[in-house]
Amino acid sequence: MVKKLVAYFSASGVTKKVAEMISEVSGCELYEIKPKQAYTKADLNWMDKNSRSSVEMKDKTSRPEIKPTDAKAADYDEILIGFP
């Protein structure tokens, strides 16, 4: 049997909902990738060109540091990754 994992990063919760649906329908395990510093509502204000999310989207070298992970990728045959 193929062991599958759905790993996702979701700042606002939309990607989380989709990942949960995929996991439920497919029977895959679910894992959340979390930023070291959580996003605030102001960080996610895409209408503000200086907000954290706007800066990260414009500058491909600017990405959030993630919390240390305990996911064991080598334990899975397939990993589905979801992100905004």
C-alpha atoms as a PDB file:
ATOM      1  CA  MET A   1       0.000   0.000   0.000  1.00  0.00           C
ATOM      2  CA  VAL A   2       1.259   3.482  -0.910  1.00  0.00           C
ATOM      3  CA  LYS A   3       1.695   5.786   2.089  1.00  0.00           C
ATOM      4  CA  LYS A   4       0.701   9.377   1.272  1.00  0.00           C
ATOM      5  CA  LEU A   5       0.972  12.685   3.085  1.00  0.00           C
ATOM      6  CA  VAL A   6      -0.753  16.000   2.433  1.00  0.00           C
ATOM      7  CA  ALA A   7       1.555  18.751   3.706  1.00  0.00           C
ATOM      8  CA  TYR A   8       0.255  22.286   3.519  1.00  0.00           C
ATOM      9  CA  PHE A   9       1.095  25.875   4.357  1.00  0.00           C
ATOM     10  CA  SER A  10      -1.900  28.125   4.916  1.00  0.00           C
ATOM     11  CA  ALA A  11      -1.713  31.740   6.028  1.00  0.00           C
ATOM     12  CA  SER A  12      -5.425  32.552   5.933  1.00  0.00           C
ATOM     13  CA  GLY A  13      -7.001  29.087   6.248  1.00  0.00           C
ATOM     14  CA  VAL A  14      -8.132  28.575   2.643  1.00  0.00           C
ATOM     15  CA  THR A  15      -5.344  26.128   1.763  1.00  0.00           C
ATOM     16  CA  LYS A  16      -5.918  24.350   5.082  1.00  0.00           C
ATOM     17  CA  LYS A  17      -9.565  23.654   4.171  1.00  0.00           C
ATOM     18  CA  VAL A  18      -8.582  22.251   0.775  1.00  0.00           C
ATOM     19  CA  ALA A  19      -5.822  20.097   2.308  1.00  0.00           C
ATOM     20  CA  GLU A  20      -8.282  18.729   4.881  1.00  0.00           C
ATOM     21  CA  MET A  21     -10.768  17.839   2.130  1.00  0.00           C
ATOM     22  CA  ILE A  22      -8.070  16.076   0.078  1.00  0.00           C
ATOM     23  CA  SER A  23      -6.865  14.203   3.156  1.00  0.00           C
ATOM     24  CA  GLU A  24     -10.385  13.114   4.080  1.00  0.00           C
ATOM     25  CA  VAL A  25     -11.307  11.928   0.587  1.00  0.00           C
ATOM     26  CA  SER A  26      -7.976  10.208  -0.149  1.00  0.00           C
ATOM     27  CA  GLY A  27      -7.150   8.832   3.294  1.00  0.00           C
ATOM     28  CA  CYS A  28      -3.793  10.643   3.283  1.00  0.00           C
ATOM     29  CA  GLU A  29      -2.178  11.761   6.503  1.00  0.00           C
ATOM     30  CA  LEU A  30      -2.229  15.525   7.084  1.00  0.00           C
ATOM     31  CA  TYR A  31       0.620  17.799   8.151  1.00  0.00           C
ATOM     32  CA  GLU A  32       0.622  21.586   8.611  1.00  0.00           C
ATOM     33  CA  ILE A  33       3.780  23.536   7.766  1.00  0.00           C
ATOM     34  CA  LYS A  34       3.815  26.501  10.143  1.00  0.00           C
ATOM     35  CA  PRO A  35       5.714  29.781   9.906  1.00  0.00           C
ATOM     36  CA  LYS A  36       8.074  30.556  12.763  1.00  0.00           C
ATOM     37  CA  GLN A  37       6.295  33.906  13.154  1.00  0.00           C
ATOM     38  CA  ALA A  38       2.528  33.608  12.715  1.00  0.00           C
ATOM     39  CA  TYR A  39       0.795  35.929  10.272  1.00  0.00           C
ATOM     40  CA  THR A  40      -1.397  38.714  11.624  1.00  0.00           C
ATOM     41  CA  LYS A  41      -4.432  40.131   9.866  1.00  0.00           C
ATOM     42  CA  ALA A  42      -2.314  43.176   8.900  1.00  0.00           C
ATOM     43  CA  ASP A  43       0.381  40.855   7.479  1.00  0.00           C
ATOM     44  CA  LEU A  44      -2.203  39.338   5.144  1.00  0.00           C
ATOM     45  CA  ASN A  45      -3.596  42.648   3.866  1.00  0.00           C
ATOM     46  CA  TRP A  46      -2.746  42.205   0.178  1.00  0.00           C
ATOM     47  CA  MET A  47      -4.085  45.690  -0.568  1.00  0.00           C
ATOM     48  CA  ASP A  48      -1.212  47.161   1.480  1.00  0.00           C
ATOM     49  CA  LYS A  49       1.867  47.000  -0.756  1.00  0.00           C
ATOM     50  CA  ASN A  50       4.087  47.031   2.349  1.00  0.00           C
ATOM     51  CA  SER A  51       2.332  44.200   4.187  1.00  0.00           C
ATOM     52  CA  ARG A  52       4.311  41.057   4.912  1.00  0.00           C
ATOM     53  CA  SER A  53       2.402  38.941   2.397  1.00  0.00           C
ATOM     54  CA  SER A  54       2.740  41.559  -0.354  1.00  0.00           C
ATOM     55  CA  VAL A  55       6.494  41.858   0.205  1.00  0.00           C
ATOM     56  CA  GLU A  56       6.907  38.054   0.194  1.00  0.00           C
ATOM     57  CA  MET A  57       4.920  37.707  -3.024  1.00  0.00           C
ATOM     58  CA  LYS A  58       6.937  40.399  -4.835  1.00  0.00           C
ATOM     59  CA  ASP A  59      10.369  39.244  -3.691  1.00  0.00           C
ATOM     60  CA  LYS A  60      10.857  35.541  -4.447  1.00  0.00           C
ATOM     61  CA  THR A  61      13.900  35.467  -2.141  1.00  0.00           C
ATOM     62  CA  SER A  62      11.762  36.695   0.782  1.00  0.00           C
ATOM     63  CA  ARG A  63      10.081  33.698   2.365  1.00  0.00           C
ATOM     64  CA  PRO A  64       8.938  33.089   5.937  1.00  0.00           C
ATOM     65  CA  GLU A  65      11.129  30.984   8.159  1.00  0.00           C
ATOM     66  CA  ILE A  66       9.238  27.850   9.139  1.00  0.00           C
ATOM     67  CA  LYS A  67       9.031  26.183  12.526  1.00  0.00           C
ATOM     68  CA  PRO A  68      11.173  23.096  12.935  1.00  0.00           C
ATOM     69  CA  THR A  69       9.345  20.103  11.526  1.00  0.00           C
ATOM     70  CA  ASP A  70       8.828  16.642  12.915  1.00  0.00           C
ATOM     71  CA  ALA A  71       7.435  15.334   9.624  1.00  0.00           C
ATOM     72  CA  LYS A  72       9.390  12.347   8.399  1.00  0.00           C
ATOM     73  CA  ALA A  73       9.249  12.761   4.623  1.00  0.00           C
ATOM     74  CA  ALA A  74      11.229   9.560   4.039  1.00  0.00           C
ATOM     75  CA  ASP A  75       8.338   7.571   5.574  1.00  0.00           C
ATOM     76  CA  TYR A  76       6.020   8.433   2.663  1.00  0.00           C
ATOM     77  CA  ASP A  77       5.816   7.192  -0.895  1.00  0.00           C
ATOM     78  CA  GLU A  78       3.979  10.306  -2.101  1.00  0.00           C
ATOM     79  CA  ILE A  79       3.740  13.797  -0.656  1.00  0.00           C
ATOM     80  CA  LEU A  80       1.171  16.303  -1.884  1.00  0.00           C
ATOM     81  CA  ILE A  81       2.089  19.900  -1.059  1.00  0.00           C
ATOM     82  CA  GLY A  82      -0.424  22.726  -0.790  1.00  0.00           C
ATOM     83  CA  PHE A  83       0.439  26.404  -0.476  1.00  0.00           C
ATOM     84  CA  PRO A  84      -1.205  29.747  -1.185  1.00  0.00           C
END
